[in-house]
């Protein structure tokens, strides 16, 4: 089975990919860096996607390269913005991000959203499953759609090889690796990371697990 034709990787978000998912209602997974917003909008228009048809924006975690255009895309689409309850205070700026990441919103010109809902309050689309995967950030969540896993920053495609996201960037690297082990129990067949192209699971995931410390 090939890559799901209902899922589109947004090339305008290269470097921190966002995905358009044509579920029962159209949705976006992540929103990339702040400076990529205009290009994302132009790509969606070129795909003949009416922005107002996008009903939900799902955020995997609080990093700037994932939430950077949340306000812009929410404003243009009217979509509901979602994240895990743990991540919301960081996304809205009520709590500073840990470590050096607390400086990035100001450096990169991030506009924080005000209206955001927690997955735990009940995400309405039965086709979407949320998998809590803390470690890269405190409330990181992966998103499952059919046999696809939207992996956020729990893993990355590094030159064609799947690997855990580098420890330097992680809030709790040991916890993240435990989250990867828990994901192994789920029946996805494709991995869609933010960093690097999607990969089929069969060889890439098993090879990573062999080397997982």
C-alpha atoms as a PDB file:
ATOM      1  CA  UNK A   1       0.000   0.000   0.000  1.00  0.00           C
ATOM      2  CA  UNK A   2       1.422   3.372  -0.992  1.00  0.00           C
ATOM      3  CA  UNK A   3       1.326   6.756   0.621  1.00  0.00           C
ATOM      4  CA  UNK A   4      -2.240   7.937   1.332  1.00  0.00           C
ATOM      5  CA  UNK A   5      -3.552  10.154  -1.488  1.00  0.00           C
ATOM      6  CA  UNK A   6      -5.599  12.125   1.062  1.00  0.00           C
ATOM      7  CA  UNK A   7      -2.383  13.445   2.636  1.00  0.00           C
ATOM      8  CA  UNK A   8      -0.290  16.176   1.021  1.00  0.00           C
ATOM      9  CA  UNK A   9       3.152  17.264   2.167  1.00  0.00           C
ATOM     10  CA  UNK A  10       3.455  21.055   1.802  1.00  0.00           C
ATOM     11  CA  UNK A  11       6.648  21.729  -0.108  1.00  0.00           C
ATOM     12  CA  UNK A  12       6.505  25.412   0.890  1.00  0.00           C
ATOM     13  CA  UNK A  13       7.179  24.264   4.459  1.00  0.00           C
ATOM     14  CA  UNK A  14      10.379  22.404   3.607  1.00  0.00           C
ATOM     15  CA  UNK A  15      12.694  22.376   6.607  1.00  0.00           C
ATOM     16  CA  UNK A  16       9.776  21.840   8.983  1.00  0.00           C
ATOM     17  CA  UNK A  17       7.066  20.185   6.933  1.00  0.00           C
ATOM     18  CA  UNK A  18       3.381  20.830   7.451  1.00  0.00           C
ATOM     19  CA  UNK A  19       0.788  18.438   6.042  1.00  0.00           C
ATOM     20  CA  UNK A  20      -2.678  18.927   4.566  1.00  0.00           C
ATOM     21  CA  UNK A  21      -5.006  16.041   5.435  1.00  0.00           C
ATOM     22  CA  UNK A  22      -8.289  15.512   3.621  1.00  0.00           C
ATOM     23  CA  UNK A  23     -10.164  13.690   6.344  1.00  0.00           C
ATOM     24  CA  UNK A  24     -13.930  14.083   6.743  1.00  0.00           C
ATOM     25  CA  UNK A  25     -12.995  17.720   7.334  1.00  0.00           C
ATOM     26  CA  UNK A  26      -9.792  19.186   5.935  1.00  0.00           C
ATOM     27  CA  UNK A  27      -7.066  19.862   8.471  1.00  0.00           C
ATOM     28  CA  UNK A  28      -3.442  20.907   8.743  1.00  0.00           C
ATOM     29  CA  UNK A  29      -0.807  19.203  10.854  1.00  0.00           C
ATOM     30  CA  UNK A  30       1.661  21.848  12.097  1.00  0.00           C
ATOM     31  CA  UNK A  31       2.366  25.225  10.492  1.00  0.00           C
ATOM     32  CA  UNK A  32       6.164  25.534  10.019  1.00  0.00           C
ATOM     33  CA  UNK A  33       8.434  28.571  10.561  1.00  0.00           C
ATOM     34  CA  UNK A  34       6.934  32.082  10.826  1.00  0.00           C
ATOM     35  CA  UNK A  35       8.536  33.315   7.591  1.00  0.00           C
ATOM     36  CA  UNK A  36       6.987  30.492   5.524  1.00  0.00           C
ATOM     37  CA  UNK A  37       3.384  31.558   6.061  1.00  0.00           C
ATOM     38  CA  UNK A  38       2.850  33.429   2.795  1.00  0.00           C
ATOM     39  CA  UNK A  39       4.333  30.565   0.766  1.00  0.00           C
ATOM     40  CA  UNK A  40       2.115  28.040   2.554  1.00  0.00           C
ATOM     41  CA  UNK A  41      -0.975  30.079   1.739  1.00  0.00           C
ATOM     42  CA  UNK A  42       0.093  30.403  -1.897  1.00  0.00           C
ATOM     43  CA  UNK A  43       0.686  26.658  -2.161  1.00  0.00           C
ATOM     44  CA  UNK A  44      -2.724  25.847  -0.707  1.00  0.00           C
ATOM     45  CA  UNK A  45      -4.362  28.253  -3.172  1.00  0.00           C
ATOM     46  CA  UNK A  46      -2.406  26.671  -6.053  1.00  0.00           C
ATOM     47  CA  UNK A  47      -3.813  23.294  -4.941  1.00  0.00           C
ATOM     48  CA  UNK A  48      -7.301  24.821  -5.255  1.00  0.00           C
ATOM     49  CA  UNK A  49      -7.860  24.425  -1.538  1.00  0.00           C
ATOM     50  CA  UNK A  50     -10.218  27.065  -0.193  1.00  0.00           C
ATOM     51  CA  UNK A  51      -8.673  28.216   3.069  1.00  0.00           C
ATOM     52  CA  UNK A  52     -12.089  28.349   4.693  1.00  0.00           C
ATOM     53  CA  UNK A  53     -12.483  24.617   3.978  1.00  0.00           C
ATOM     54  CA  UNK A  54      -9.691  23.930   6.486  1.00  0.00           C
ATOM     55  CA  UNK A  55     -11.566  23.263   9.710  1.00  0.00           C
ATOM     56  CA  UNK A  56      -8.799  22.217  12.109  1.00  0.00           C
ATOM     57  CA  UNK A  57      -5.107  22.938  12.693  1.00  0.00           C
ATOM     58  CA  UNK A  58      -3.377  20.273  14.786  1.00  0.00           C
ATOM     59  CA  UNK A  59      -0.105  21.111  16.515  1.00  0.00           C
ATOM     60  CA  UNK A  60       2.268  18.359  17.586  1.00  0.00           C
ATOM     61  CA  UNK A  61       4.136  20.604  20.037  1.00  0.00           C
ATOM     62  CA  UNK A  62       5.196  24.151  20.927  1.00  0.00           C
ATOM     63  CA  UNK A  63       8.402  24.609  18.896  1.00  0.00           C
ATOM     64  CA  UNK A  64       8.475  27.704  16.696  1.00  0.00           C
ATOM     65  CA  UNK A  65       8.972  25.719  13.491  1.00  0.00           C
ATOM     66  CA  UNK A  66       5.644  23.971  14.189  1.00  0.00           C
ATOM     67  CA  UNK A  67       3.481  26.791  15.567  1.00  0.00           C
ATOM     68  CA  UNK A  68       5.018  29.665  13.593  1.00  0.00           C
ATOM     69  CA  UNK A  69       1.997  30.317  11.349  1.00  0.00           C
ATOM     70  CA  UNK A  70      -0.776  29.128  13.637  1.00  0.00           C
ATOM     71  CA  UNK A  71      -2.234  32.623  14.031  1.00  0.00           C
ATOM     72  CA  UNK A  72      -2.009  33.488  10.329  1.00  0.00           C
ATOM     73  CA  UNK A  73      -3.588  30.247   9.141  1.00  0.00           C
ATOM     74  CA  UNK A  74      -6.245  30.299  11.838  1.00  0.00           C
ATOM     75  CA  UNK A  75      -7.127  33.871  10.938  1.00  0.00           C
ATOM     76  CA  UNK A  76      -7.416  33.132   7.206  1.00  0.00           C
ATOM     77  CA  UNK A  77      -9.256  29.837   7.541  1.00  0.00           C
ATOM     78  CA  UNK A  78     -11.340  30.224  10.676  1.00  0.00           C
ATOM     79  CA  UNK A  79     -10.059  26.784  11.700  1.00  0.00           C
ATOM     80  CA  UNK A  80     -10.036  25.538  15.285  1.00  0.00           C
ATOM     81  CA  UNK A  81      -6.508  25.330  16.657  1.00  0.00           C
ATOM     82  CA  UNK A  82      -5.629  22.246  18.731  1.00  0.00           C
ATOM     83  CA  UNK A  83      -2.730  21.115  20.916  1.00  0.00           C
ATOM     84  CA  UNK A  84      -2.184  19.023  24.015  1.00  0.00           C
ATOM     85  CA  UNK A  85      -3.175  20.683  27.293  1.00  0.00           C
ATOM     86  CA  UNK A  86       0.442  20.586  28.472  1.00  0.00           C
ATOM     87  CA  UNK A  87       1.691  22.485  25.421  1.00  0.00           C
ATOM     88  CA  UNK A  88      -0.953  25.216  25.341  1.00  0.00           C
ATOM     89  CA  UNK A  89       0.577  27.508  28.021  1.00  0.00           C
ATOM     90  CA  UNK A  90       3.876  27.490  26.111  1.00  0.00           C
ATOM     91  CA  UNK A  91       2.199  28.110  22.745  1.00  0.00           C
ATOM     92  CA  UNK A  92       0.223  31.045  24.097  1.00  0.00           C
ATOM     93  CA  UNK A  93       3.236  32.458  25.941  1.00  0.00           C
ATOM     94  CA  UNK A  94       1.853  32.123  29.457  1.00  0.00           C
ATOM     95  CA  UNK A  95       4.816  29.900  30.347  1.00  0.00           C
ATOM     96  CA  UNK A  96       8.282  30.443  28.796  1.00  0.00           C
ATOM     97  CA  UNK A  97       9.675  27.547  26.807  1.00  0.00           C
ATOM     98  CA  UNK A  98      12.446  25.711  28.700  1.00  0.00           C
ATOM     99  CA  UNK A  99      16.095  26.443  28.003  1.00  0.00           C
ATOM    100  CA  UNK A 100      17.320  28.510  25.073  1.00  0.00           C
ATOM    101  CA  UNK A 101      13.995  27.983  23.252  1.00  0.00           C
ATOM    102  CA  UNK A 102      12.473  30.744  25.375  1.00  0.00           C
ATOM    103  CA  UNK A 103      14.396  33.288  23.286  1.00  0.00           C
ATOM    104  CA  UNK A 104      13.204  32.058  19.880  1.00  0.00           C
ATOM    105  CA  UNK A 105       9.700  33.606  19.788  1.00  0.00           C
ATOM    106  CA  UNK A 106      11.132  37.118  19.989  1.00  0.00           C
ATOM    107  CA  UNK A 107      14.065  36.423  17.672  1.00  0.00           C
ATOM    108  CA  UNK A 108      11.895  34.820  14.984  1.00  0.00           C
ATOM    109  CA  UNK A 109       8.917  37.167  15.219  1.00  0.00           C
ATOM    110  CA  UNK A 110       6.384  34.663  16.539  1.00  0.00           C
ATOM    111  CA  UNK A 111       2.795  35.770  17.127  1.00  0.00           C
ATOM    112  CA  UNK A 112       1.143  33.675  19.838  1.00  0.00           C
ATOM    113  CA  UNK A 113      -2.460  32.502  19.395  1.00  0.00           C
ATOM    114  CA  UNK A 114      -5.112  33.318  21.950  1.00  0.00           C
ATOM    115  CA  UNK A 115      -7.768  30.758  21.032  1.00  0.00           C
ATOM    116  CA  UNK A 116      -6.623  27.151  21.242  1.00  0.00           C
ATOM    117  CA  UNK A 117      -8.335  23.964  22.387  1.00  0.00           C
ATOM    118  CA  UNK A 118      -6.895  20.946  24.163  1.00  0.00           C
ATOM    119  CA  UNK A 119      -7.032  17.516  22.560  1.00  0.00           C
ATOM    120  CA  UNK A 120      -7.995  16.138  25.956  1.00  0.00           C
ATOM    121  CA  UNK A 121     -11.284  18.054  25.781  1.00  0.00           C
ATOM    122  CA  UNK A 122     -12.361  15.813  22.909  1.00  0.00           C
ATOM    123  CA  UNK A 123     -11.100  16.082  19.338  1.00  0.00           C
ATOM    124  CA  UNK A 124     -14.182  15.562  17.147  1.00  0.00           C
ATOM    125  CA  UNK A 125     -12.907  13.573  14.139  1.00  0.00           C
ATOM    126  CA  UNK A 126     -13.024   9.819  14.695  1.00  0.00           C
ATOM    127  CA  UNK A 127     -10.508   9.296  11.856  1.00  0.00           C
ATOM    128  CA  UNK A 128      -7.810  11.030  13.910  1.00  0.00           C
ATOM    129  CA  UNK A 129      -6.102   9.365  16.866  1.00  0.00           C
ATOM    130  CA  UNK A 130      -3.812  11.275  19.223  1.00  0.00           C
ATOM    131  CA  UNK A 131      -0.807   9.553  20.778  1.00  0.00           C
ATOM    132  CA  UNK A 132       0.817  11.363  23.741  1.00  0.00           C
ATOM    133  CA  UNK A 133       4.591  11.206  23.186  1.00  0.00           C
ATOM    134  CA  UNK A 134       6.310  13.396  25.788  1.00  0.00           C
ATOM    135  CA  UNK A 135      10.041  13.915  25.721  1.00  0.00           C
ATOM    136  CA  UNK A 136      10.989  16.233  22.888  1.00  0.00           C
ATOM    137  CA  UNK A 137       8.715  18.700  24.681  1.00  0.00           C
ATOM    138  CA  UNK A 138       6.605  18.061  27.799  1.00  0.00           C
ATOM    139  CA  UNK A 139       3.332  17.548  25.929  1.00  0.00           C
ATOM    140  CA  UNK A 140       4.447  16.438  22.468  1.00  0.00           C
ATOM    141  CA  UNK A 141       1.731  14.474  20.648  1.00  0.00           C
ATOM    142  CA  UNK A 142       1.883  12.350  17.512  1.00  0.00           C
ATOM    143  CA  UNK A 143      -1.135  12.137  15.236  1.00  0.00           C
ATOM    144  CA  UNK A 144      -2.417   8.985  13.538  1.00  0.00           C
ATOM    145  CA  UNK A 145      -4.566   8.988  10.406  1.00  0.00           C
ATOM    146  CA  UNK A 146      -5.238   5.631   8.820  1.00  0.00           C
ATOM    147  CA  UNK A 147      -1.877   3.906   8.594  1.00  0.00           C
ATOM    148  CA  UNK A 148       0.104   7.177   8.760  1.00  0.00           C
ATOM    149  CA  UNK A 149       1.921   8.542  11.778  1.00  0.00           C
ATOM    150  CA  UNK A 150       2.543  12.301  11.853  1.00  0.00           C
ATOM    151  CA  UNK A 151       5.616  12.167  14.032  1.00  0.00           C
ATOM    152  CA  UNK A 152       6.324  15.831  14.782  1.00  0.00           C
ATOM    153  CA  UNK A 153       9.831  15.929  16.247  1.00  0.00           C
ATOM    154  CA  UNK A 154       9.975  12.573  17.967  1.00  0.00           C
ATOM    155  CA  UNK A 155      11.921  11.163  14.995  1.00  0.00           C
ATOM    156  CA  UNK A 156      13.435  12.616  11.829  1.00  0.00           C
ATOM    157  CA  UNK A 157      14.442  11.414   8.383  1.00  0.00           C
ATOM    158  CA  UNK A 158      18.173  12.085   8.311  1.00  0.00           C
ATOM    159  CA  UNK A 159      19.571  11.456   4.838  1.00  0.00           C
ATOM    160  CA  UNK A 160      17.133   8.638   4.242  1.00  0.00           C
ATOM    161  CA  UNK A 161      17.530   7.043   7.668  1.00  0.00           C
ATOM    162  CA  UNK A 162      15.061   7.309  10.513  1.00  0.00           C
ATOM    163  CA  UNK A 163      16.511   8.337  13.870  1.00  0.00           C
ATOM    164  CA  UNK A 164      15.335   9.778  17.212  1.00  0.00           C
ATOM    165  CA  UNK A 165      15.390  13.552  17.253  1.00  0.00           C
ATOM    166  CA  UNK A 166      18.857  14.710  18.458  1.00  0.00           C
ATOM    167  CA  UNK A 167      19.197  14.863  22.240  1.00  0.00           C
ATOM    168  CA  UNK A 168      20.397  18.476  22.271  1.00  0.00           C
ATOM    169  CA  UNK A 169      16.938  19.664  21.224  1.00  0.00           C
ATOM    170  CA  UNK A 170      14.949  17.516  23.633  1.00  0.00           C
ATOM    171  CA  UNK A 171      13.357  18.508  26.914  1.00  0.00           C
ATOM    172  CA  UNK A 172      13.818  14.949  28.259  1.00  0.00           C
ATOM    173  CA  UNK A 173      15.667  12.621  25.918  1.00  0.00           C
ATOM    174  CA  UNK A 174      15.128   9.450  27.961  1.00  0.00           C
ATOM    175  CA  UNK A 175      11.393  10.107  28.112  1.00  0.00           C
ATOM    176  CA  UNK A 176      11.317  10.700  24.352  1.00  0.00           C
ATOM    177  CA  UNK A 177      12.960   7.342  23.730  1.00  0.00           C
ATOM    178  CA  UNK A 178      10.370   5.690  25.952  1.00  0.00           C
ATOM    179  CA  UNK A 179       7.695   7.378  23.830  1.00  0.00           C
ATOM    180  CA  UNK A 180       9.271   5.923  20.687  1.00  0.00           C
ATOM    181  CA  UNK A 181       9.109   2.458  22.243  1.00  0.00           C
ATOM    182  CA  UNK A 182       5.413   2.976  23.015  1.00  0.00           C
ATOM    183  CA  UNK A 183       4.765   4.070  19.422  1.00  0.00           C
ATOM    184  CA  UNK A 184       6.230   0.770  18.239  1.00  0.00           C
ATOM    185  CA  UNK A 185       3.085  -0.937  19.537  1.00  0.00           C
ATOM    186  CA  UNK A 186       0.855   0.987  17.107  1.00  0.00           C
ATOM    187  CA  UNK A 187       0.009  -0.377  13.630  1.00  0.00           C
ATOM    188  CA  UNK A 188       1.048   2.553  11.392  1.00  0.00           C
ATOM    189  CA  UNK A 189       2.801   1.819   8.089  1.00  0.00           C
ATOM    190  CA  UNK A 190       4.122   5.255   7.115  1.00  0.00           C
ATOM    191  CA  UNK A 191       6.050   7.831   9.147  1.00  0.00           C
ATOM    192  CA  UNK A 192       5.550  11.513   8.284  1.00  0.00           C
ATOM    193  CA  UNK A 193       8.147  13.555  10.181  1.00  0.00           C
ATOM    194  CA  UNK A 194       8.484  17.311  10.197  1.00  0.00           C
ATOM    195  CA  UNK A 195      12.135  17.061   9.277  1.00  0.00           C
ATOM    196  CA  UNK A 196      12.736  14.963   6.179  1.00  0.00           C
ATOM    197  CA  UNK A 197      10.414  13.180   3.759  1.00  0.00           C
ATOM    198  CA  UNK A 198       7.905  10.497   4.738  1.00  0.00           C
ATOM    199  CA  UNK A 199       9.268   6.956   5.011  1.00  0.00           C
ATOM    200  CA  UNK A 200       7.630   3.513   4.976  1.00  0.00           C
ATOM    201  CA  UNK A 201       7.850   1.938   8.385  1.00  0.00           C
ATOM    202  CA  UNK A 202       8.983  -1.622   7.694  1.00  0.00           C
ATOM    203  CA  UNK A 203      12.763  -1.274   7.431  1.00  0.00           C
ATOM    204  CA  UNK A 204      13.321   2.274   8.675  1.00  0.00           C
ATOM    205  CA  UNK A 205      11.559   1.906  12.043  1.00  0.00           C
ATOM    206  CA  UNK A 206      12.956  -1.522  12.860  1.00  0.00           C
ATOM    207  CA  UNK A 207      16.473  -0.411  12.025  1.00  0.00           C
ATOM    208  CA  UNK A 208      16.094   2.591  14.324  1.00  0.00           C
ATOM    209  CA  UNK A 209      14.783   0.415  17.145  1.00  0.00           C
ATOM    210  CA  UNK A 210      17.833  -1.864  16.945  1.00  0.00           C
ATOM    211  CA  UNK A 211      20.065   1.118  17.700  1.00  0.00           C
ATOM    212  CA  UNK A 212      17.765   2.845  20.205  1.00  0.00           C
ATOM    213  CA  UNK A 213      19.717   3.231  23.432  1.00  0.00           C
END
